[in-house]
Amino acid sequence: MKNSFKELKHDELVAKRADLKKKYFDLRFQMVVGHVENPLEKRVLRRQIARIETRIRNSERAAAAAGAAQ
């Protein structure tokens, strides 16, 4: 799962980030109520969101550098 975001395009990454943030939000509420089967899932989701945000930022920087080079 770590490297499954490499082949995604910028728009797909943004959509995936929104989906993971919603899952993370829902999981936080479930943890408060106490109905979580896997408590480590919160950490996994948080790290996946960080990986995606890094990829998004890198693609934005690459696009800006390509635009500045022209």
PDB file of N, CA and C in Angstrom:
ATOM      1  N   MET A   1       0.815  -1.188   0.000  1.00  0.00           N
ATOM      2  CA  MET A   1       0.000   0.000   0.000  1.00  0.00           C
ATOM      3  C   MET A   1       0.862   1.256   0.000  1.00  0.00           C
ATOM      4  N   LYS A   2       2.088   1.148   0.456  1.00  0.00           N
ATOM      5  CA  LYS A   2       2.945   2.315   0.539  1.00  0.00           C
ATOM      6  C   LYS A   2       3.128   3.007  -0.804  1.00  0.00           C
ATOM      7  N   ASN A   3       3.446   2.240  -1.834  1.00  0.00           N
ATOM      8  CA  ASN A   3       3.810   2.838  -3.104  1.00  0.00           C
ATOM      9  C   ASN A   3       2.693   2.775  -4.135  1.00  0.00           C
ATOM     10  N   SER A   4       1.480   2.580  -3.724  1.00  0.00           N
ATOM     11  CA  SER A   4       0.399   2.462  -4.691  1.00  0.00           C
ATOM     12  C   SER A   4      -0.050   3.813  -5.229  1.00  0.00           C
ATOM     13  N   PHE A   5       0.489   4.903  -4.737  1.00  0.00           N
ATOM     14  CA  PHE A   5       0.076   6.223  -5.180  1.00  0.00           C
ATOM     15  C   PHE A   5       0.977   6.778  -6.272  1.00  0.00           C
ATOM     16  N   LYS A   6       2.043   6.084  -6.611  1.00  0.00           N
ATOM     17  CA  LYS A   6       3.006   6.601  -7.572  1.00  0.00           C
ATOM     18  C   LYS A   6       2.423   6.779  -8.961  1.00  0.00           C
ATOM     19  N   GLU A   7       1.549   5.893  -9.381  1.00  0.00           N
ATOM     20  CA  GLU A   7       1.038   5.945 -10.740  1.00  0.00           C
ATOM     21  C   GLU A   7      -0.201   6.828 -10.888  1.00  0.00           C
ATOM     22  N   LEU A   8      -0.681   7.401  -9.798  1.00  0.00           N
ATOM     23  CA  LEU A   8      -1.873   8.241  -9.865  1.00  0.00           C
ATOM     24  C   LEU A   8      -1.533   9.653 -10.349  1.00  0.00           C
ATOM     25  N   LYS A   9      -2.437  10.231 -11.101  1.00  0.00           N
ATOM     26  CA  LYS A   9      -2.283  11.594 -11.584  1.00  0.00           C
ATOM     27  C   LYS A   9      -2.734  12.573 -10.489  1.00  0.00           C
ATOM     28  N   HIS A  10      -2.467  13.854 -10.716  1.00  0.00           N
ATOM     29  CA  HIS A  10      -2.740  14.888  -9.704  1.00  0.00           C
ATOM     30  C   HIS A  10      -4.217  14.898  -9.293  1.00  0.00           C
ATOM     31  N   ASP A  11      -5.128  14.868 -10.258  1.00  0.00           N
ATOM     32  CA  ASP A  11      -6.559  14.902  -9.935  1.00  0.00           C
ATOM     33  C   ASP A  11      -6.986  13.668  -9.145  1.00  0.00           C
ATOM     34  N   GLU A  12      -6.426  12.524  -9.495  1.00  0.00           N
ATOM     35  CA  GLU A  12      -6.746  11.296  -8.769  1.00  0.00           C
ATOM     36  C   GLU A  12      -6.215  11.347  -7.345  1.00  0.00           C
ATOM     37  N   LEU A  13      -5.042  11.941  -7.179  1.00  0.00           N
ATOM     38  CA  LEU A  13      -4.467  12.079  -5.835  1.00  0.00           C
ATOM     39  C   LEU A  13      -5.336  12.969  -4.955  1.00  0.00           C
ATOM     40  N   VAL A  14      -5.838  14.054  -5.535  1.00  0.00           N
ATOM     41  CA  VAL A  14      -6.684  14.969  -4.765  1.00  0.00           C
ATOM     42  C   VAL A  14      -7.973  14.259  -4.346  1.00  0.00           C
ATOM     43  N   ALA A  15      -8.552  13.477  -5.257  1.00  0.00           N
ATOM     44  CA  ALA A  15      -9.774  12.745  -4.929  1.00  0.00           C
ATOM     45  C   ALA A  15      -9.505  11.679  -3.871  1.00  0.00           C
ATOM     46  N   LYS A  16      -8.384  10.989  -3.993  1.00  0.00           N
ATOM     47  CA  LYS A  16      -8.018   9.955  -3.021  1.00  0.00           C
ATOM     48  C   LYS A  16      -7.779  10.574  -1.645  1.00  0.00           C
ATOM     49  N   ARG A  17      -7.147  11.756  -1.621  1.00  0.00           N
ATOM     50  CA  ARG A  17      -6.901  12.439  -0.345  1.00  0.00           C
ATOM     51  C   ARG A  17      -8.217  12.794   0.340  1.00  0.00           C
ATOM     52  N   ALA A  18      -9.175  13.282  -0.437  1.00  0.00           N
ATOM     53  CA  ALA A  18     -10.479  13.628   0.131  1.00  0.00           C
ATOM     54  C   ALA A  18     -11.168  12.388   0.692  1.00  0.00           C
ATOM     55  N   ASP A  19     -11.060  11.272  -0.019  1.00  0.00           N
ATOM     56  CA  ASP A  19     -11.660  10.019   0.439  1.00  0.00           C
ATOM     57  C   ASP A  19     -11.010   9.537   1.735  1.00  0.00           C
ATOM     58  N   LEU A  20      -9.682   9.583   1.792  1.00  0.00           N
ATOM     59  CA  LEU A  20      -8.979   9.131   2.998  1.00  0.00           C
ATOM     60  C   LEU A  20      -9.245  10.049   4.184  1.00  0.00           C
ATOM     61  N   LYS A  21      -9.366  11.348   3.937  1.00  0.00           N
ATOM     62  CA  LYS A  21      -9.672  12.275   5.032  1.00  0.00           C
ATOM     63  C   LYS A  21     -11.062  12.014   5.597  1.00  0.00           C
ATOM     64  N   LYS A  22     -12.007  11.659   4.727  1.00  0.00           N
ATOM     65  CA  LYS A  22     -13.349  11.329   5.203  1.00  0.00           C
ATOM     66  C   LYS A  22     -13.318  10.048   6.040  1.00  0.00           C
ATOM     67  N   LYS A  23     -12.566   9.045   5.582  1.00  0.00           N
ATOM     68  CA  LYS A  23     -12.432   7.802   6.347  1.00  0.00           C
ATOM     69  C   LYS A  23     -11.794   8.074   7.709  1.00  0.00           C
ATOM     70  N   TYR A  24     -10.768   8.932   7.719  1.00  0.00           N
ATOM     71  CA  TYR A  24     -10.090   9.268   8.966  1.00  0.00           C
ATOM     72  C   TYR A  24     -11.035   9.987   9.921  1.00  0.00           C
ATOM     73  N   PHE A  25     -11.828  10.906   9.389  1.00  0.00           N
ATOM     74  CA  PHE A  25     -12.799  11.639  10.192  1.00  0.00           C
ATOM     75  C   PHE A  25     -13.810  10.680  10.817  1.00  0.00           C
ATOM     76  N   ASP A  26     -14.339   9.757  10.004  1.00  0.00           N
ATOM     77  CA  ASP A  26     -15.303   8.777  10.503  1.00  0.00           C
ATOM     78  C   ASP A  26     -14.676   7.855  11.554  1.00  0.00           C
ATOM     79  N   LEU A  27     -13.430   7.471  11.319  1.00  0.00           N
ATOM     80  CA  LEU A  27     -12.743   6.587  12.258  1.00  0.00           C
ATOM     81  C   LEU A  27     -12.527   7.272  13.604  1.00  0.00           C
ATOM     82  N   ARG A  28     -12.245   8.567  13.587  1.00  0.00           N
ATOM     83  CA  ARG A  28     -12.081   9.291  14.850  1.00  0.00           C
ATOM     84  C   ARG A  28     -13.359   9.265  15.671  1.00  0.00           C
ATOM     85  N   PHE A  29     -14.501   9.436  15.008  1.00  0.00           N
ATOM     86  CA  PHE A  29     -15.771   9.370  15.726  1.00  0.00           C
ATOM     87  C   PHE A  29     -16.022   7.965  16.266  1.00  0.00           C
ATOM     88  N   GLN A  30     -15.693   6.957  15.485  1.00  0.00           N
ATOM     89  CA  GLN A  30     -15.883   5.583  15.943  1.00  0.00           C
ATOM     90  C   GLN A  30     -15.008   5.291  17.161  1.00  0.00           C
ATOM     91  N   MET A  31     -13.814   5.866  17.189  1.00  0.00           N
ATOM     92  CA  MET A  31     -12.924   5.635  18.329  1.00  0.00           C
ATOM     93  C   MET A  31     -13.494   6.275  19.595  1.00  0.00           C
ATOM     94  N   VAL A  32     -14.142   7.408  19.466  1.00  0.00           N
ATOM     95  CA  VAL A  32     -14.742   8.058  20.627  1.00  0.00           C
ATOM     96  C   VAL A  32     -15.878   7.208  21.169  1.00  0.00           C
ATOM     97  N   VAL A  33     -16.673   6.657  20.267  1.00  0.00           N
ATOM     98  CA  VAL A  33     -17.798   5.819  20.673  1.00  0.00           C
ATOM     99  C   VAL A  33     -17.297   4.468  21.187  1.00  0.00           C
ATOM    100  N   GLY A  34     -16.172   4.007  20.636  1.00  0.00           N
ATOM    101  CA  GLY A  34     -15.578   2.767  21.107  1.00  0.00           C
ATOM    102  C   GLY A  34     -15.861   1.562  20.250  1.00  0.00           C
ATOM    103  N   HIS A  35     -16.230   1.767  18.988  1.00  0.00           N
ATOM    104  CA  HIS A  35     -16.555   0.651  18.102  1.00  0.00           C
ATOM    105  C   HIS A  35     -15.521   0.473  17.004  1.00  0.00           C
ATOM    106  N   VAL A  36     -14.250   0.404  17.370  1.00  0.00           N
ATOM    107  CA  VAL A  36     -13.183   0.252  16.386  1.00  0.00           C
ATOM    108  C   VAL A  36     -12.568  -1.125  16.542  1.00  0.00           C
ATOM    109  N   GLU A  37     -12.507  -1.855  15.425  1.00  0.00           N
ATOM    110  CA  GLU A  37     -11.917  -3.196  15.449  1.00  0.00           C
ATOM    111  C   GLU A  37     -10.394  -3.125  15.449  1.00  0.00           C
ATOM    112  N   ASN A  38      -9.838  -2.197  14.657  1.00  0.00           N
ATOM    113  CA  ASN A  38      -8.393  -2.098  14.525  1.00  0.00           C
ATOM    114  C   ASN A  38      -7.949  -0.669  14.862  1.00  0.00           C
ATOM    115  N   PRO A  39      -7.477  -0.425  16.066  1.00  0.00           N
ATOM    116  CA  PRO A  39      -7.089   0.932  16.450  1.00  0.00           C
ATOM    117  C   PRO A  39      -5.863   1.445  15.695  1.00  0.00           C
ATOM    118  N   LEU A  40      -5.061   0.565  15.109  1.00  0.00           N
ATOM    119  CA  LEU A  40      -3.891   1.000  14.354  1.00  0.00           C
ATOM    120  C   LEU A  40      -4.265   1.574  12.991  1.00  0.00           C
ATOM    121  N   GLU A  41      -5.508   1.376  12.582  1.00  0.00           N
ATOM    122  CA  GLU A  41      -5.954   1.891  11.300  1.00  0.00           C
ATOM    123  C   GLU A  41      -5.873   3.416  11.250  1.00  0.00           C
ATOM    124  N   LYS A  42      -6.049   4.057  12.379  1.00  0.00           N
ATOM    125  CA  LYS A  42      -5.971   5.525  12.454  1.00  0.00           C
ATOM    126  C   LYS A  42      -4.578   5.994  12.048  1.00  0.00           C
ATOM    127  N   ARG A  43      -3.564   5.335  12.553  1.00  0.00           N
ATOM    128  CA  ARG A  43      -2.189   5.693  12.208  1.00  0.00           C
ATOM    129  C   ARG A  43      -1.901   5.428  10.739  1.00  0.00           C
ATOM    130  N   VAL A  44      -2.397   4.305  10.236  1.00  0.00           N
ATOM    131  CA  VAL A  44      -2.183   3.955   8.832  1.00  0.00           C
ATOM    132  C   VAL A  44      -2.824   4.993   7.919  1.00  0.00           C
ATOM    133  N   LEU A  45      -4.048   5.387   8.222  1.00  0.00           N
ATOM    134  CA  LEU A  45      -4.732   6.394   7.408  1.00  0.00           C
ATOM    135  C   LEU A  45      -4.002   7.735   7.457  1.00  0.00           C
ATOM    136  N   ARG A  46      -3.561   8.126   8.634  1.00  0.00           N
ATOM    137  CA  ARG A  46      -2.856   9.393   8.775  1.00  0.00           C
ATOM    138  C   ARG A  46      -1.576   9.396   7.933  1.00  0.00           C
ATOM    139  N   ARG A  47      -0.871   8.294   7.914  1.00  0.00           N
ATOM    140  CA  ARG A  47       0.372   8.212   7.137  1.00  0.00           C
ATOM    141  C   ARG A  47       0.095   8.172   5.634  1.00  0.00           C
ATOM    142  N   GLN A  48      -0.983   7.496   5.240  1.00  0.00           N
ATOM    143  CA  GLN A  48      -1.348   7.483   3.826  1.00  0.00           C
ATOM    144  C   GLN A  48      -1.714   8.887   3.348  1.00  0.00           C
ATOM    145  N   ILE A  49      -2.442   9.621   4.174  1.00  0.00           N
ATOM    146  CA  ILE A  49      -2.796  10.996   3.817  1.00  0.00           C
ATOM    147  C   ILE A  49      -1.526  11.834   3.661  1.00  0.00           C
ATOM    148  N   ALA A  50      -0.573  11.649   4.536  1.00  0.00           N
ATOM    149  CA  ALA A  50       0.679  12.396   4.452  1.00  0.00           C
ATOM    150  C   ALA A  50       1.437  12.038   3.177  1.00  0.00           C
ATOM    151  N   ARG A  51       1.462  10.769   2.810  1.00  0.00           N
ATOM    152  CA  ARG A  51       2.136  10.356   1.572  1.00  0.00           C
ATOM    153  C   ARG A  51       1.481  10.995   0.352  1.00  0.00           C
ATOM    154  N   ILE A  52       0.160  11.005   0.345  1.00  0.00           N
ATOM    155  CA  ILE A  52      -0.562  11.593  -0.781  1.00  0.00           C
ATOM    156  C   ILE A  52      -0.319  13.097  -0.842  1.00  0.00           C
ATOM    157  N   GLU A  53      -0.340  13.766   0.298  1.00  0.00           N
ATOM    158  CA  GLU A  53      -0.104  15.202   0.311  1.00  0.00           C
ATOM    159  C   GLU A  53       1.303  15.528  -0.176  1.00  0.00           C
ATOM    160  N   THR A  54       2.263  14.683   0.137  1.00  0.00           N
ATOM    161  CA  THR A  54       3.626  14.874  -0.350  1.00  0.00           C
ATOM    162  C   THR A  54       3.669  14.743  -1.863  1.00  0.00           C
ATOM    163  N   ARG A  55       2.996  13.732  -2.403  1.00  0.00           N
ATOM    164  CA  ARG A  55       2.945  13.540  -3.855  1.00  0.00           C
ATOM    165  C   ARG A  55       2.251  14.717  -4.542  1.00  0.00           C
ATOM    166  N   ILE A  56       1.172  15.205  -3.957  1.00  0.00           N
ATOM    167  CA  ILE A  56       0.458  16.344  -4.531  1.00  0.00           C
ATOM    168  C   ILE A  56       1.366  17.569  -4.557  1.00  0.00           C
ATOM    169  N   ARG A  57       2.039  17.825  -3.465  1.00  0.00           N
ATOM    170  CA  ARG A  57       2.935  18.985  -3.383  1.00  0.00           C
ATOM    171  C   ARG A  57       4.071  18.868  -4.392  1.00  0.00           C
ATOM    172  N   ASN A  58       4.637  17.665  -4.545  1.00  0.00           N
ATOM    173  CA  ASN A  58       5.709  17.473  -5.510  1.00  0.00           C
ATOM    174  C   ASN A  58       5.224  17.704  -6.937  1.00  0.00           C
ATOM    175  N   SER A  59       4.036  17.248  -7.251  1.00  0.00           N
ATOM    176  CA  SER A  59       3.516  17.455  -8.604  1.00  0.00           C
ATOM    177  C   SER A  59       3.214  18.930  -8.850  1.00  0.00           C
ATOM    178  N   GLU A  60       2.743  19.653  -7.822  1.00  0.00           N
ATOM    179  CA  GLU A  60       2.504  21.095  -7.967  1.00  0.00           C
ATOM    180  C   GLU A  60       3.816  21.842  -8.172  1.00  0.00           C
ATOM    181  N   ARG A  61       4.848  21.448  -7.450  1.00  0.00           N
ATOM    182  CA  ARG A  61       6.151  22.100  -7.599  1.00  0.00           C
ATOM    183  C   ARG A  61       6.741  21.816  -8.968  1.00  0.00           C
ATOM    184  N   ALA A  62       6.567  20.590  -9.470  1.00  0.00           N
ATOM    185  CA  ALA A  62       7.077  20.234 -10.788  1.00  0.00           C
ATOM    186  C   ALA A  62       6.350  21.024 -11.874  1.00  0.00           C
ATOM    187  N   ALA A  63       5.040  21.190 -11.718  1.00  0.00           N
ATOM    188  CA  ALA A  63       4.271  21.959 -12.695  1.00  0.00           C
ATOM    189  C   ALA A  63       4.681  23.434 -12.655  1.00  0.00           C
ATOM    190  N   ALA A  64       4.934  23.964 -11.472  1.00  0.00           N
ATOM    191  CA  ALA A  64       5.356  25.353 -11.352  1.00  0.00           C
ATOM    192  C   ALA A  64       6.753  25.554 -11.959  1.00  0.00           C
ATOM    193  N   ALA A  65       7.628  24.590 -11.747  1.00  0.00           N
ATOM    194  CA  ALA A  65       8.975  24.680 -12.313  1.00  0.00           C
ATOM    195  C   ALA A  65       8.928  24.575 -13.831  1.00  0.00           C
ATOM    196  N   ALA A  66       8.050  23.742 -14.350  1.00  0.00           N
ATOM    197  CA  ALA A  66       7.909  23.606 -15.806  1.00  0.00           C
ATOM    198  C   ALA A  66       7.330  24.881 -16.401  1.00  0.00           C
ATOM    199  N   GLY A  67       6.401  25.505 -15.684  1.00  0.00           N
ATOM    200  CA  GLY A  67       5.827  26.755 -16.139  1.00  0.00           C
ATOM    201  C   GLY A  67       6.814  27.897 -16.097  1.00  0.00           C
ATOM    202  N   ALA A  68       7.679  27.903 -15.118  1.00  0.00           N
ATOM    203  CA  ALA A  68       8.675  28.966 -14.980  1.00  0.00           C
ATOM    204  C   ALA A  68       9.793  28.803 -16.001  1.00  0.00           C
ATOM    205  N   ALA A  69      10.043  27.582 -16.427  1.00  0.00           N
ATOM    206  CA  ALA A  69      11.110  27.327 -17.377  1.00  0.00           C
ATOM    207  C   ALA A  69      10.732  27.767 -18.786  1.00  0.00           C
ATOM    208  N   GLN A  70       9.465  27.923 -19.036  1.00  0.00           N
ATOM    209  CA  GLN A  70       9.038  28.321 -20.386  1.00  0.00           C
ATOM    210  C   GLN A  70       9.157  29.745 -20.597  1.00  0.00           C
TER     211      GLN A  70
END
